[in-house]
PDB file of N, CA and C in Angstrom:
ATOM      1  N   MET A   1      15.608   8.750   5.674  1.00  0.00           N
ATOM      2  CA  MET A   1      14.687   7.779   4.974  1.00  0.00           C
ATOM      3  C   MET A   1      13.418   8.442   4.527  1.00  0.00           C
ATOM      4  N   ALA A   2      13.000   8.109   3.356  1.00  0.00           N
ATOM      5  CA  ALA A   2      11.702   8.733   2.658  1.00  0.00           C
ATOM      6  C   ALA A   2      10.602   8.202   3.482  1.00  0.00           C
ATOM      7  N   ASP A   3       9.443   8.976   3.479  1.00  0.00           N
ATOM      8  CA  ASP A   3       8.204   8.471   4.059  1.00  0.00           C
ATOM      9  C   ASP A   3       7.337   7.902   2.764  1.00  0.00           C
ATOM     10  N   ALA A   4       7.721   8.343   1.553  1.00  0.00           N
ATOM     11  CA  ALA A   4       7.052   7.769   0.482  1.00  0.00           C
ATOM     12  C   ALA A   4       7.948   7.805  -0.839  1.00  0.00           C
ATOM     13  N   VAL A   5       7.422   7.135  -1.843  1.00  0.00           N
ATOM     14  CA  VAL A   5       8.219   6.905  -3.114  1.00  0.00           C
ATOM     15  C   VAL A   5       7.342   7.480  -4.232  1.00  0.00           C
ATOM     16  N   VAL A   6       8.015   8.218  -5.309  1.00  0.00           N
ATOM     17  CA  VAL A   6       7.304   8.417  -6.515  1.00  0.00           C
ATOM     18  C   VAL A   6       8.127   8.274  -7.639  1.00  0.00           C
ATOM     19  N   ILE A   7       7.553   7.463  -8.456  1.00  0.00           N
ATOM     20  CA  ILE A   7       8.466   6.984  -9.678  1.00  0.00           C
ATOM     21  C   ILE A   7       7.556   7.119 -10.844  1.00  0.00           C
ATOM     22  N   ASP A   8       8.360   7.650 -12.017  1.00  0.00           N
ATOM     23  CA  ASP A   8       7.660   7.826 -13.301  1.00  0.00           C
ATOM     24  C   ASP A   8       7.982   6.328 -14.051  1.00  0.00           C
ATOM     25  N   VAL A   9       6.971   5.686 -14.220  1.00  0.00           N
ATOM     26  CA  VAL A   9       7.192   4.406 -15.033  1.00  0.00           C
ATOM     27  C   VAL A   9       6.702   4.269 -16.478  1.00  0.00           C
ATOM     28  N   SER A  10       6.516   5.711 -17.030  1.00  0.00           N
ATOM     29  CA  SER A  10       5.954   5.679 -18.341  1.00  0.00           C
ATOM     30  C   SER A  10       6.698   4.875 -19.444  1.00  0.00           C
ATOM     31  N   ASN A  11       8.029   4.789 -19.213  1.00  0.00           N
ATOM     32  CA  ASN A  11       8.857   3.870 -19.920  1.00  0.00           C
ATOM     33  C   ASN A  11       9.294   2.677 -19.113  1.00  0.00           C
ATOM     34  N   GLU A  12       8.597   1.584 -19.529  1.00  0.00           N
ATOM     35  CA  GLU A  12       8.699   0.332 -18.610  1.00  0.00           C
ATOM     36  C   GLU A  12      10.302   0.039 -18.578  1.00  0.00           C
ATOM     37  N   ASP A  13      10.665  -0.459 -17.257  1.00  0.00           N
ATOM     38  CA  ASP A  13      12.048  -0.633 -17.139  1.00  0.00           C
ATOM     39  C   ASP A  13      12.179  -1.577 -15.928  1.00  0.00           C
ATOM     40  N   PHE A  14      13.007  -2.545 -16.003  1.00  0.00           N
ATOM     41  CA  PHE A  14      13.123  -3.576 -14.913  1.00  0.00           C
ATOM     42  C   PHE A  14      13.595  -3.049 -13.638  1.00  0.00           C
ATOM     43  N   GLN A  15      14.720  -2.108 -13.820  1.00  0.00           N
ATOM     44  CA  GLN A  15      15.148  -1.545 -12.608  1.00  0.00           C
ATOM     45  C   GLN A  15      14.068  -0.652 -11.740  1.00  0.00           C
ATOM     46  N   LEU A  16      13.200   0.046 -12.599  1.00  0.00           N
ATOM     47  CA  LEU A  16      12.087   0.970 -11.926  1.00  0.00           C
ATOM     48  C   LEU A  16      11.049  -0.109 -11.147  1.00  0.00           C
ATOM     49  N   GLY A  17      10.814  -1.333 -11.863  1.00  0.00           N
ATOM     50  CA  GLY A  17       9.997  -2.100 -11.126  1.00  0.00           C
ATOM     51  C   GLY A  17      10.577  -2.793  -9.878  1.00  0.00           C
ATOM     52  N   HIS A  18      11.757  -3.061 -10.079  1.00  0.00           N
ATOM     53  CA  HIS A  18      12.480  -3.553  -8.800  1.00  0.00           C
ATOM     54  C   HIS A  18      12.541  -2.502  -7.712  1.00  0.00           C
ATOM     55  N   GLU A  19      12.694  -1.287  -7.970  1.00  0.00           N
ATOM     56  CA  GLU A  19      12.777  -0.168  -7.122  1.00  0.00           C
ATOM     57  C   GLU A  19      11.501   0.015  -6.464  1.00  0.00           C
ATOM     58  N   ALA A  20      10.302  -0.113  -7.326  1.00  0.00           N
ATOM     59  CA  ALA A  20       9.008   0.009  -6.720  1.00  0.00           C
ATOM     60  C   ALA A  20       8.936  -1.159  -5.686  1.00  0.00           C
ATOM     61  N   THR A  21       9.190  -2.409  -6.188  1.00  0.00           N
ATOM     62  CA  THR A  21       8.911  -3.489  -5.469  1.00  0.00           C
ATOM     63  C   THR A  21       9.729  -3.402  -3.928  1.00  0.00           C
ATOM     64  N   MET A  22      10.799  -2.881  -4.054  1.00  0.00           N
ATOM     65  CA  MET A  22      11.689  -2.683  -2.836  1.00  0.00           C
ATOM     66  C   MET A  22      10.993  -1.703  -1.917  1.00  0.00           C
ATOM     67  N   ALA A  23      10.424  -0.552  -2.447  1.00  0.00           N
ATOM     68  CA  ALA A  23       9.782   0.374  -1.690  1.00  0.00           C
ATOM     69  C   ALA A  23       8.669  -0.070  -1.063  1.00  0.00           C
ATOM     70  N   ILE A  24       7.880  -0.866  -1.723  1.00  0.00           N
ATOM     71  CA  ILE A  24       6.607  -1.516  -1.300  1.00  0.00           C
ATOM     72  C   ILE A  24       6.884  -2.599  -0.235  1.00  0.00           C
ATOM     73  N   ASP A  25       7.874  -3.291  -0.481  1.00  0.00           N
ATOM     74  CA  ASP A  25       8.394  -4.228   0.693  1.00  0.00           C
ATOM     75  C   ASP A  25       8.811  -3.583   2.127  1.00  0.00           C
ATOM     76  N   ALA A  26       9.369  -2.261   1.851  1.00  0.00           N
ATOM     77  CA  ALA A  26       9.707  -1.663   3.014  1.00  0.00           C
ATOM     78  C   ALA A  26       8.451  -0.820   3.530  1.00  0.00           C
ATOM     79  N   LYS A  27       7.200  -1.103   3.128  1.00  0.00           N
ATOM     80  CA  LYS A  27       6.102  -0.637   3.530  1.00  0.00           C
ATOM     81  C   LYS A  27       6.038   0.966   3.204  1.00  0.00           C
ATOM     82  N   LYS A  28       6.554   1.422   2.171  1.00  0.00           N
ATOM     83  CA  LYS A  28       6.551   2.832   1.776  1.00  0.00           C
ATOM     84  C   LYS A  28       5.493   2.995   0.736  1.00  0.00           C
ATOM     85  N   PRO A  29       4.418   3.920   1.035  1.00  0.00           N
ATOM     86  CA  PRO A  29       3.637   4.085  -0.056  1.00  0.00           C
ATOM     87  C   PRO A  29       4.261   4.572  -1.366  1.00  0.00           C
ATOM     88  N   THR A  30       4.048   3.905  -2.468  1.00  0.00           N
ATOM     89  CA  THR A  30       4.661   4.127  -3.511  1.00  0.00           C
ATOM     90  C   THR A  30       3.630   4.627  -4.707  1.00  0.00           C
ATOM     91  N   LEU A  31       4.005   5.653  -5.342  1.00  0.00           N
ATOM     92  CA  LEU A  31       3.069   6.059  -6.430  1.00  0.00           C
ATOM     93  C   LEU A  31       3.887   5.916  -7.764  1.00  0.00           C
ATOM     94  N   CYS A  32       3.125   5.173  -8.520  1.00  0.00           N
ATOM     95  CA  CYS A  32       3.922   4.947  -9.924  1.00  0.00           C
ATOM     96  C   CYS A  32       3.252   5.735 -11.008  1.00  0.00           C
ATOM     97  N   LEU A  33       3.755   6.720 -11.690  1.00  0.00           N
ATOM     98  CA  LEU A  33       3.102   7.594 -12.642  1.00  0.00           C
ATOM     99  C   LEU A  33       3.340   7.150 -13.809  1.00  0.00           C
ATOM    100  N   SER A  34       2.294   7.240 -14.746  1.00  0.00           N
ATOM    101  CA  SER A  34       2.600   7.002 -16.210  1.00  0.00           C
ATOM    102  C   SER A  34       1.829   7.835 -17.158  1.00  0.00           C
ATOM    103  N   VAL A  35       2.395   8.176 -18.291  1.00  0.00           N
ATOM    104  CA  VAL A  35       1.459   8.957 -19.198  1.00  0.00           C
ATOM    105  C   VAL A  35       0.636   7.925 -20.011  1.00  0.00           C
ATOM    106  N   VAL A  36       1.032   6.563 -20.009  1.00  0.00           N
ATOM    107  CA  VAL A  36       0.504   5.579 -20.742  1.00  0.00           C
ATOM    108  C   VAL A  36      -0.815   5.038 -20.059  1.00  0.00           C
ATOM    109  N   GLU A  37      -0.581   4.503 -18.783  1.00  0.00           N
ATOM    110  CA  GLU A  37      -1.730   3.833 -18.066  1.00  0.00           C
ATOM    111  C   GLU A  37      -1.667   3.919 -16.584  1.00  0.00           C
ATOM    112  N   ASP A  38      -2.793   3.791 -15.969  1.00  0.00           N
ATOM    113  CA  ASP A  38      -2.875   3.773 -14.424  1.00  0.00           C
ATOM    114  C   ASP A  38      -2.518   2.358 -13.986  1.00  0.00           C
ATOM    115  N   TRP A  39      -1.657   2.162 -13.420  1.00  0.00           N
ATOM    116  CA  TRP A  39      -1.103   0.537 -13.006  1.00  0.00           C
ATOM    117  C   TRP A  39      -1.804   0.341 -11.903  1.00  0.00           C
ATOM    118  N   SER A  40      -2.547   1.154 -11.284  1.00  0.00           N
ATOM    119  CA  SER A  40      -3.310   0.727  -9.966  1.00  0.00           C
ATOM    120  C   SER A  40      -4.646  -0.102 -10.390  1.00  0.00           C
ATOM    121  N   LEU A  41      -4.915  -0.075 -11.782  1.00  0.00           N
ATOM    122  CA  LEU A  41      -5.997  -0.874 -12.182  1.00  0.00           C
ATOM    123  C   LEU A  41      -5.600  -2.279 -12.342  1.00  0.00           C
ATOM    124  N   LYS A  42      -4.364  -2.608 -12.314  1.00  0.00           N
ATOM    125  CA  LYS A  42      -3.812  -3.897 -12.402  1.00  0.00           C
ATOM    126  C   LYS A  42      -2.951  -4.346 -11.179  1.00  0.00           C
ATOM    127  N   ILE A  43      -2.570  -3.692 -10.396  1.00  0.00           N
ATOM    128  CA  ILE A  43      -1.597  -3.929  -9.116  1.00  0.00           C
ATOM    129  C   ILE A  43      -2.469  -3.686  -7.933  1.00  0.00           C
ATOM    130  N   LYS A  44      -2.899  -4.590  -7.182  1.00  0.00           N
ATOM    131  CA  LYS A  44      -3.669  -4.195  -5.772  1.00  0.00           C
ATOM    132  C   LYS A  44      -2.736  -4.451  -4.600  1.00  0.00           C
ATOM    133  N   HIS A  45      -2.371  -3.444  -4.013  1.00  0.00           N
ATOM    134  CA  HIS A  45      -1.530  -3.491  -2.860  1.00  0.00           C
ATOM    135  C   HIS A  45      -1.750  -2.400  -1.989  1.00  0.00           C
ATOM    136  N   GLU A  46      -1.745  -2.567  -0.582  1.00  0.00           N
ATOM    137  CA  GLU A  46      -2.027  -1.399   0.340  1.00  0.00           C
ATOM    138  C   GLU A  46      -1.114  -0.216   0.237  1.00  0.00           C
ATOM    139  N   TYR A  47       0.132  -0.679  -0.295  1.00  0.00           N
ATOM    140  CA  TYR A  47       1.259   0.451  -0.410  1.00  0.00           C
ATOM    141  C   TYR A  47       1.509   0.928  -1.789  1.00  0.00           C
ATOM    142  N   PHE A  48       0.661   0.245  -2.684  1.00  0.00           N
ATOM    143  CA  PHE A  48       0.879   0.671  -4.233  1.00  0.00           C
ATOM    144  C   PHE A  48      -0.259   1.629  -4.649  1.00  0.00           C
ATOM    145  N   PHE A  49       0.272   2.662  -5.450  1.00  0.00           N
ATOM    146  CA  PHE A  49      -0.669   3.684  -5.935  1.00  0.00           C
ATOM    147  C   PHE A  49      -0.250   3.906  -7.225  1.00  0.00           C
ATOM    148  N   GLY A  50      -1.191   4.033  -8.220  1.00  0.00           N
ATOM    149  CA  GLY A  50      -0.710   4.172  -9.625  1.00  0.00           C
ATOM    150  C   GLY A  50      -1.772   5.394 -10.167  1.00  0.00           C
ATOM    151  N   ALA A  51      -1.223   6.132 -11.185  1.00  0.00           N
ATOM    152  CA  ALA A  51      -2.032   7.090 -11.778  1.00  0.00           C
ATOM    153  C   ALA A  51      -1.373   7.567 -13.069  1.00  0.00           C
ATOM    154  N   ARG A  52      -2.336   7.877 -13.999  1.00  0.00           N
ATOM    155  CA  ARG A  52      -1.901   8.241 -15.291  1.00  0.00           C
ATOM    156  C   ARG A  52      -2.008   9.839 -15.234  1.00  0.00           C
ATOM    157  N   TYR A  53      -1.090  10.380 -15.838  1.00  0.00           N
ATOM    158  CA  TYR A  53      -0.972  11.881 -15.699  1.00  0.00           C
ATOM    159  C   TYR A  53      -0.474  12.492 -17.079  1.00  0.00           C
ATOM    160  N   ASN A  54      -0.623  13.744 -16.992  1.00  0.00           N
ATOM    161  CA  ASN A  54      -0.228  14.589 -18.201  1.00  0.00           C
ATOM    162  C   ASN A  54       0.493  15.851 -17.502  1.00  0.00           C
ATOM    163  N   PRO A  55       1.065  16.738 -18.389  1.00  0.00           N
ATOM    164  CA  PRO A  55       1.907  17.800 -17.577  1.00  0.00           C
ATOM    165  C   PRO A  55       0.914  18.634 -16.933  1.00  0.00           C
ATOM    166  N   GLN A  56      -0.311  18.790 -17.496  1.00  0.00           N
ATOM    167  CA  GLN A  56      -1.306  19.657 -16.621  1.00  0.00           C
ATOM    168  C   GLN A  56      -1.845  19.072 -15.135  1.00  0.00           C
ATOM    169  N   THR A  57      -1.883  17.860 -15.139  1.00  0.00           N
ATOM    170  CA  THR A  57      -2.360  17.042 -13.887  1.00  0.00           C
ATOM    171  C   THR A  57      -1.342  16.612 -12.886  1.00  0.00           C
ATOM    172  N   VAL A  58      -0.041  16.464 -13.298  1.00  0.00           N
ATOM    173  CA  VAL A  58       0.948  15.854 -12.501  1.00  0.00           C
ATOM    174  C   VAL A  58       0.904  16.396 -11.113  1.00  0.00           C
ATOM    175  N   ASN A  59       1.116  17.896 -10.994  1.00  0.00           N
ATOM    176  CA  ASN A  59       1.240  18.439  -9.635  1.00  0.00           C
ATOM    177  C   ASN A  59       0.114  17.966  -8.905  1.00  0.00           C
ATOM    178  N   GLY A  60      -1.290  18.167  -9.342  1.00  0.00           N
ATOM    179  CA  GLY A  60      -2.374  17.672  -8.557  1.00  0.00           C
ATOM    180  C   GLY A  60      -2.197  16.203  -8.131  1.00  0.00           C
ATOM    181  N   VAL A  61      -1.881  15.422  -9.057  1.00  0.00           N
ATOM    182  CA  VAL A  61      -1.735  13.902  -8.676  1.00  0.00           C
ATOM    183  C   VAL A  61      -0.748  13.667  -7.670  1.00  0.00           C
ATOM    184  N   ILE A  62       0.421  14.271  -7.476  1.00  0.00           N
ATOM    185  CA  ILE A  62       1.293  14.065  -6.719  1.00  0.00           C
ATOM    186  C   ILE A  62       0.891  14.605  -5.281  1.00  0.00           C
ATOM    187  N   GLN A  63       0.337  15.722  -5.294  1.00  0.00           N
ATOM    188  CA  GLN A  63      -0.387  16.499  -4.145  1.00  0.00           C
ATOM    189  C   GLN A  63      -1.315  15.585  -3.314  1.00  0.00           C
ATOM    190  N   ASP A  64      -2.243  15.126  -4.312  1.00  0.00           N
ATOM    191  CA  ASP A  64      -3.227  14.177  -3.563  1.00  0.00           C
ATOM    192  C   ASP A  64      -2.574  12.894  -3.038  1.00  0.00           C
ATOM    193  N   PHE A  65      -1.694  12.350  -3.607  1.00  0.00           N
ATOM    194  CA  PHE A  65      -0.888  11.239  -3.142  1.00  0.00           C
ATOM    195  C   PHE A  65      -0.195  11.490  -1.719  1.00  0.00           C
ATOM    196  N   LEU A  66       0.452  12.773  -1.707  1.00  0.00           N
ATOM    197  CA  LEU A  66       0.969  13.105  -0.412  1.00  0.00           C
ATOM    198  C   LEU A  66       0.108  13.386   0.667  1.00  0.00           C
ATOM    199  N   VAL A  67      -1.162  13.941   0.292  1.00  0.00           N
ATOM    200  CA  VAL A  67      -2.145  14.041   1.344  1.00  0.00           C
ATOM    201  C   VAL A  67      -2.563  12.770   2.036  1.00  0.00           C
ATOM    202  N   HIS A  68      -2.591  11.741   0.948  1.00  0.00           N
ATOM    203  CA  HIS A  68      -3.096  10.348   1.352  1.00  0.00           C
ATOM    204  C   HIS A  68      -1.953   9.838   2.239  1.00  0.00           C
ATOM    205  N   VAL A  69      -0.712   9.910   2.009  1.00  0.00           N
ATOM    206  CA  VAL A  69       0.359   9.368   2.629  1.00  0.00           C
ATOM    207  C   VAL A  69       0.202  10.023   3.986  1.00  0.00           C
ATOM    208  N   ARG A  70      -0.045  11.274   4.143  1.00  0.00           N
ATOM    209  CA  ARG A  70      -0.117  11.831   5.461  1.00  0.00           C
ATOM    210  C   ARG A  70      -1.335  11.261   6.429  1.00  0.00           C
ATOM    211  N   GLU A  71      -2.303  11.028   5.686  1.00  0.00           N
ATOM    212  CA  GLU A  71      -3.407  10.375   6.549  1.00  0.00           C
ATOM    213  C   GLU A  71      -3.062   8.819   6.861  1.00  0.00           C
ATOM    214  N   MET A  72      -2.460   8.282   5.830  1.00  0.00           N
ATOM    215  CA  MET A  72      -1.822   6.775   6.237  1.00  0.00           C
ATOM    216  C   MET A  72      -1.239   6.902   7.454  1.00  0.00           C
ATOM    217  N   SER A  73      -0.313   7.867   7.773  1.00  0.00           N
ATOM    218  CA  SER A  73       0.667   7.718   8.765  1.00  0.00           C
ATOM    219  C   SER A  73      -0.115   8.126  10.145  1.00  0.00           C
ATOM    220  N   LYS A  74      -1.235   8.551  10.009  1.00  0.00           N
ATOM    221  CA  LYS A  74      -2.189   8.934  11.335  1.00  0.00           C
ATOM    222  C   LYS A  74      -2.674   7.652  11.961  1.00  0.00           C
ATOM    223  N   ALA A  75      -2.081   6.609  12.359  1.00  0.00           N
ATOM    224  CA  ALA A  75      -2.680   5.428  12.929  1.00  0.00           C
ATOM    225  C   ALA A  75      -3.271   5.758  14.060  1.00  0.00           C
ATOM    226  N   ARG A  76      -4.313   5.170  14.430  1.00  0.00           N
ATOM    227  CA  ARG A  76      -4.876   5.070  15.761  1.00  0.00           C
ATOM    228  C   ARG A  76      -5.013   3.891  16.501  1.00  0.00           C
ATOM    229  N   ARG A  77      -5.008   3.930  17.712  1.00  0.00           N
ATOM    230  CA  ARG A  77      -4.786   2.682  18.608  1.00  0.00           C
ATOM    231  C   ARG A  77      -6.235   2.073  18.963  1.00  0.00           C
ATOM    232  N   PHE A  78      -6.415   0.924  18.835  1.00  0.00           N
ATOM    233  CA  PHE A  78      -7.738   0.265  18.995  1.00  0.00           C
ATOM    234  C   PHE A  78      -7.567  -0.962  19.871  1.00  0.00           C
ATOM    235  N   ASN A  79      -8.212  -0.992  20.793  1.00  0.00           N
ATOM    236  CA  ASN A  79      -8.139  -2.085  22.010  1.00  0.00           C
ATOM    237  C   ASN A  79      -9.334  -3.157  21.621  1.00  0.00           C
ATOM    238  N   LEU A  80      -8.989  -4.360  21.719  1.00  0.00           N
ATOM    239  CA  LEU A  80      -9.903  -5.478  21.289  1.00  0.00           C
ATOM    240  C   LEU A  80      -9.826  -6.595  22.413  1.00  0.00           C
ATOM    241  N   PHE A  81     -10.928  -7.179  22.646  1.00  0.00           N
ATOM    242  CA  PHE A  81     -10.902  -8.387  23.636  1.00  0.00           C
ATOM    243  C   PHE A  81     -11.200  -9.498  22.735  1.00  0.00           C
ATOM    244  N   LEU A  82     -10.385 -10.511  22.756  1.00  0.00           N
ATOM    245  CA  LEU A  82     -10.462 -11.759  22.137  1.00  0.00           C
ATOM    246  C   LEU A  82     -10.509 -13.026  23.053  1.00  0.00           C
ATOM    247  N   TYR A  83     -11.161 -14.019  22.492  1.00  0.00           N
ATOM    248  CA  TYR A  83     -11.030 -15.389  23.220  1.00  0.00           C
ATOM    249  C   TYR A  83      -9.731 -15.863  23.004  1.00  0.00           C
ATOM    250  N   PRO A  84      -9.239 -16.870  23.998  1.00  0.00           N
ATOM    251  CA  PRO A  84      -8.054 -17.346  23.852  1.00  0.00           C
ATOM    252  C   PRO A  84      -7.914 -18.214  22.363  1.00  0.00           C
ATOM    253  N   HIS A  85      -8.933 -18.910  22.005  1.00  0.00           N
ATOM    254  CA  HIS A  85      -8.705 -19.559  20.816  1.00  0.00           C
ATOM    255  C   HIS A  85      -8.504 -18.591  19.568  1.00  0.00           C
ATOM    256  N   GLN A  86      -9.197 -17.460  19.691  1.00  0.00           N
ATOM    257  CA  GLN A  86      -8.889 -16.434  18.595  1.00  0.00           C
ATOM    258  C   GLN A  86      -7.517 -15.968  18.713  1.00  0.00           C
ATOM    259  N   ILE A  87      -7.048 -15.703  19.841  1.00  0.00           N
ATOM    260  CA  ILE A  87      -5.559 -15.214  19.889  1.00  0.00           C
ATOM    261  C   ILE A  87      -4.518 -16.402  19.310  1.00  0.00           C
ATOM    262  N   THR A  88      -4.935 -17.594  19.772  1.00  0.00           N
ATOM    263  CA  THR A  88      -4.099 -18.770  19.223  1.00  0.00           C
ATOM    264  C   THR A  88      -4.184 -18.731  17.696  1.00  0.00           C
ATOM    265  N   TYR A  89      -5.352 -18.723  17.031  1.00  0.00           N
ATOM    266  CA  TYR A  89      -5.436 -18.609  15.634  1.00  0.00           C
ATOM    267  C   TYR A  89      -4.490 -17.483  15.101  1.00  0.00           C
ATOM    268  N   LEU A  90      -4.707 -16.284  15.621  1.00  0.00           N
ATOM    269  CA  LEU A  90      -4.033 -15.124  15.044  1.00  0.00           C
ATOM    270  C   LEU A  90      -2.403 -15.195  14.991  1.00  0.00           C
ATOM    271  N   GLU A  91      -1.937 -15.982  16.408  1.00  0.00           N
ATOM    272  CA  GLU A  91      -0.654 -16.099  16.483  1.00  0.00           C
ATOM    273  C   GLU A  91      -0.041 -16.995  15.616  1.00  0.00           C
ATOM    274  N   ILE A  92      -0.678 -18.144  15.314  1.00  0.00           N
ATOM    275  CA  ILE A  92      -0.281 -19.084  14.339  1.00  0.00           C
ATOM    276  C   ILE A  92      -0.396 -18.746  12.779  1.00  0.00           C
ATOM    277  N   THR A  93      -1.490 -18.174  12.513  1.00  0.00           N
ATOM    278  CA  THR A  93      -1.633 -17.571  11.350  1.00  0.00           C
ATOM    279  C   THR A  93      -0.631 -16.391  10.834  1.00  0.00           C
ATOM    280  N   ALA A  94      -0.487 -15.350  11.830  1.00  0.00           N
ATOM    281  CA  ALA A  94       0.395 -14.401  11.589  1.00  0.00           C
ATOM    282  C   ALA A  94       1.907 -14.842  11.505  1.00  0.00           C
ATOM    283  N   GLN A  95       2.248 -15.802  12.250  1.00  0.00           N
ATOM    284  CA  GLN A  95       3.677 -16.211  12.241  1.00  0.00           C
ATOM    285  C   GLN A  95       3.833 -17.040  10.875  1.00  0.00           C
ATOM    286  N   SER A  96       2.915 -17.710  10.479  1.00  0.00           N
ATOM    287  CA  SER A  96       3.193 -18.419   8.989  1.00  0.00           C
ATOM    288  C   SER A  96       3.129 -17.413   8.011  1.00  0.00           C
ATOM    289  N   GLU A  97       2.583 -16.267   8.091  1.00  0.00           N
ATOM    290  CA  GLU A  97       2.537 -15.211   7.208  1.00  0.00           C
ATOM    291  C   GLU A  97       3.815 -14.122   7.353  1.00  0.00           C
ATOM    292  N   HIS A  98       4.621 -14.622   8.410  1.00  0.00           N
ATOM    293  CA  HIS A  98       5.874 -13.842   8.694  1.00  0.00           C
ATOM    294  C   HIS A  98       5.598 -12.389   8.948  1.00  0.00           C
ATOM    295  N   MET A  99       4.387 -12.311   9.677  1.00  0.00           N
ATOM    296  CA  MET A  99       4.207 -10.696  10.270  1.00  0.00           C
ATOM    297  C   MET A  99       3.630 -10.876  11.614  1.00  0.00           C
ATOM    298  N   SER A 100       3.608  -9.776  12.323  1.00  0.00           N
ATOM    299  CA  SER A 100       2.917  -9.598  13.495  1.00  0.00           C
ATOM    300  C   SER A 100       1.471  -9.779  13.586  1.00  0.00           C
ATOM    301  N   ILE A 101       0.874  -9.947  14.628  1.00  0.00           N
ATOM    302  CA  ILE A 101      -0.743  -9.895  14.631  1.00  0.00           C
ATOM    303  C   ILE A 101      -1.238  -8.829  14.376  1.00  0.00           C
ATOM    304  N   ALA A 102      -0.693  -7.607  14.732  1.00  0.00           N
ATOM    305  CA  ALA A 102      -1.235  -6.443  14.172  1.00  0.00           C
ATOM    306  C   ALA A 102      -1.272  -6.201  12.719  1.00  0.00           C
ATOM    307  N   GLN A 103      -0.141  -6.624  12.123  1.00  0.00           N
ATOM    308  CA  GLN A 103      -0.074  -6.573  10.661  1.00  0.00           C
ATOM    309  C   GLN A 103      -0.944  -7.256   9.962  1.00  0.00           C
ATOM    310  N   TYR A 104      -1.112  -8.474  10.443  1.00  0.00           N
ATOM    311  CA  TYR A 104      -2.284  -9.585   9.968  1.00  0.00           C
ATOM    312  C   TYR A 104      -3.434  -8.979  10.018  1.00  0.00           C
ATOM    313  N   MET A 105      -3.915  -8.611  11.286  1.00  0.00           N
ATOM    314  CA  MET A 105      -5.103  -8.017  11.263  1.00  0.00           C
ATOM    315  C   MET A 105      -5.530  -6.972  10.322  1.00  0.00           C
ATOM    316  N   ARG A 106      -4.482  -5.782  10.169  1.00  0.00           N
ATOM    317  CA  ARG A 106      -4.649  -4.860   9.128  1.00  0.00           C
ATOM    318  C   ARG A 106      -4.821  -5.406   7.966  1.00  0.00           C
ATOM    319  N   LYS A 107      -4.023  -6.588   7.555  1.00  0.00           N
ATOM    320  CA  LYS A 107      -3.983  -7.196   6.156  1.00  0.00           C
ATOM    321  C   LYS A 107      -5.603  -7.586   5.903  1.00  0.00           C
ATOM    322  N   LEU A 108      -6.121  -8.317   6.945  1.00  0.00           N
ATOM    323  CA  LEU A 108      -7.363  -8.726   6.910  1.00  0.00           C
ATOM    324  C   LEU A 108      -8.501  -7.836   6.494  1.00  0.00           C
ATOM    325  N   ILE A 109      -8.427  -6.686   7.251  1.00  0.00           N
ATOM    326  CA  ILE A 109      -9.304  -5.486   7.157  1.00  0.00           C
ATOM    327  C   ILE A 109      -9.204  -4.988   5.631  1.00  0.00           C
ATOM    328  N   ASN A 110      -7.723  -4.801   5.212  1.00  0.00           N
ATOM    329  CA  ASN A 110      -7.674  -4.244   3.912  1.00  0.00           C
ATOM    330  C   ASN A 110      -8.181  -5.061   2.794  1.00  0.00           C
ATOM    331  N   MET A 111      -8.124  -6.564   3.005  1.00  0.00           N
ATOM    332  CA  MET A 111      -8.533  -7.389   1.961  1.00  0.00           C
ATOM    333  C   MET A 111     -10.041  -7.357   2.017  1.00  0.00           C
ATOM    334  N   ASP A 112     -10.801  -7.348   3.111  1.00  0.00           N
ATOM    335  CA  ASP A 112     -12.037  -7.171   3.354  1.00  0.00           C
ATOM    336  C   ASP A 112     -12.597  -5.732   2.406  1.00  0.00           C
ATOM    337  N   GLN A 113     -12.033  -4.650   2.678  1.00  0.00           N
ATOM    338  CA  GLN A 113     -12.265  -3.394   2.079  1.00  0.00           C
ATOM    339  C   GLN A 113     -12.145  -3.598   0.433  1.00  0.00           C
ATOM    340  N   GLN A 114     -11.085  -4.237   0.085  1.00  0.00           N
ATOM    341  CA  GLN A 114     -10.925  -4.567  -1.531  1.00  0.00           C
ATOM    342  C   GLN A 114     -12.180  -5.220  -1.955  1.00  0.00           C
ATOM    343  N   LEU A 115     -12.449  -6.282  -1.240  1.00  0.00           N
ATOM    344  CA  LEU A 115     -13.638  -7.335  -1.734  1.00  0.00           C
ATOM    345  C   LEU A 115     -14.928  -6.251  -1.779  1.00  0.00           C
ATOM    346  N   ARG A 116     -15.134  -5.531  -0.782  1.00  0.00           N
ATOM    347  CA  ARG A 116     -16.506  -4.846  -0.832  1.00  0.00           C
ATOM    348  C   ARG A 116     -16.338  -3.901  -1.802  1.00  0.00           C
ATOM    349  N   ARG A 117     -15.235  -3.390  -2.368  1.00  0.00           N
ATOM    350  CA  ARG A 117     -15.165  -2.213  -3.328  1.00  0.00           C
ATOM    351  C   ARG A 117     -15.314  -2.862  -4.837  1.00  0.00           C
ATOM    352  N   ALA A 118     -15.132  -4.257  -4.792  1.00  0.00           N
ATOM    353  CA  ALA A 118     -15.135  -4.849  -6.139  1.00  0.00           C
ATOM    354  C   ALA A 118     -16.622  -5.018  -6.614  1.00  0.00           C
TER     355      ALA A 118
END
C-alpha cells in the first residue's frame, strides 16, 4: 500500500478527481499536479497538496512533496491532562464526527493553523 499519491490533473477528469478523493479519504497525502493551476489555492484539506509545474520544475515539486510526506509520518506522542467535562465533550463531539478523540484534536489544531495563516 502506498504512503502517498501523486496525480497529474492537468486535464480535468472525473475519474482522477474520484481517485484523489479516495486517496484523501484513506488519509494518504495526495499531490495533484497541474500545468494549468495550483489546486491547493482552492482545496483546503490536511492530506491535499496541489502544485503547478512545468517540465523543469516537476522533479523538485515531487521531491519537496515526498520530504513533506516523510515529515508528516514522524508523529510524536503528547500527553495531556483534561478535566472530566472536557473529556466528555471530546468523546461526544469526536463520535458525532465519526473519528477518534485523537483525530478530532488533530483536526482542531489543523483548523486553527489554517485560520492563523489566512
